[in-house]
Protein backbone atom coordinates (compact mmCIF):
# COMPACT_ATOMS: atom_id res chain seq x y z
CA MET A 1 -44.54 3.25 0.35
CA LEU A 2 -41.16 2.02 1.58
CA ASN A 3 -41.03 -0.32 4.54
CA LYS A 4 -38.98 0.49 7.63
CA PHE A 5 -35.90 -1.41 6.43
CA TRP A 6 -35.63 0.48 3.13
CA LYS A 7 -36.34 3.87 4.72
CA ASP A 8 -33.53 3.23 7.20
CA ALA A 9 -31.20 1.92 4.49
CA LEU A 10 -31.81 4.92 2.23
CA GLU A 11 -31.26 7.37 5.09
CA ARG A 12 -27.96 5.69 5.98
CA ILE A 13 -26.82 5.63 2.35
CA ALA A 14 -27.70 9.30 1.85
CA TRP A 15 -25.91 10.48 4.99
CA THR A 16 -22.85 8.33 4.33
CA THR A 17 -22.64 9.70 0.80
CA LEU A 18 -22.92 13.28 2.03
CA ALA A 19 -20.40 12.73 4.83
CA ALA A 20 -17.88 11.50 2.25
CA ALA A 21 -18.73 13.87 -0.60
CA ILE A 22 -18.63 17.16 1.32
CA PRO A 23 -15.00 16.82 2.54
CA ALA A 24 -13.92 15.46 -0.86
CA ALA A 25 -15.52 18.44 -2.61
CA ALA A 26 -13.87 20.79 -0.13
CA TYR A 27 -10.51 19.21 -1.00
CA TYR A 28 -11.06 19.62 -4.74
CA VAL A 29 -11.81 23.33 -4.39
CA ASP A 30 -8.73 23.80 -2.19
CA LEU A 31 -10.59 24.42 1.08
CA LEU A 32 -9.34 21.30 2.87
CA PRO A 33 -5.95 19.57 2.91
CA PRO A 34 -6.17 15.87 2.02
CA GLN A 35 -5.11 14.69 5.48
CA TRP A 36 -8.21 16.38 6.97
CA ILE A 37 -10.75 14.53 4.79
CA PRO A 38 -11.23 11.65 7.29
CA VAL A 39 -11.48 14.10 10.19
CA ALA A 40 -14.08 16.19 8.39
CA THR A 41 -16.05 13.05 7.54
CA VAL A 42 -16.13 12.00 11.19
CA LEU A 43 -17.13 15.51 12.31
CA ILE A 44 -20.01 15.62 9.82
CA THR A 45 -21.19 12.22 11.07
CA VAL A 46 -20.99 13.32 14.71
CA VAL A 47 -22.94 16.52 14.02
CA LYS A 48 -25.58 14.59 12.05
CA THR A 49 -25.96 12.07 14.89
CA VAL A 50 -26.35 14.74 17.57
CA VAL A 51 -28.85 16.76 15.52
CA ALA A 52 -30.82 13.65 14.57
CA GLY A 53 -30.96 12.60 18.21
CA HIS A 54 -32.62 15.90 19.09
CA VAL A 55 -34.86 16.20 16.03
CA GLY A 56 -35.81 12.59 15.33
CA ASN A 57 -35.78 9.45 17.42
CA PRO A 58 -33.35 9.93 20.35
CA ASP A 59 -33.02 6.18 20.81
CA THR A 60 -31.69 5.56 17.29
CA ALA A 61 -30.15 8.90 16.21
CA LYS A 62 -32.34 8.81 13.11
CA PHE A 63 -34.29 11.74 11.73
CA ASP A 64 -37.33 9.49 11.41
CA LYS A 65 -39.47 9.54 14.56
CA GLU A 66 -40.52 5.92 14.03
CA ASN A 67 -38.65 3.09 15.75
């Protein structure tokens, strides 16, 4: 099983990848102008943080309930 460090690292990598890939994909299918890609990335990150704070550990904004 993965230790706490690697679980945290993989969660951060996955969410960062998704936060960047979703707006980029939206641009490539003509749903988002290029100047809005950074804004969409920040909004996805904010939503993820708020949801994770309610679902997971509120002290770390992670989905994992462990510290």
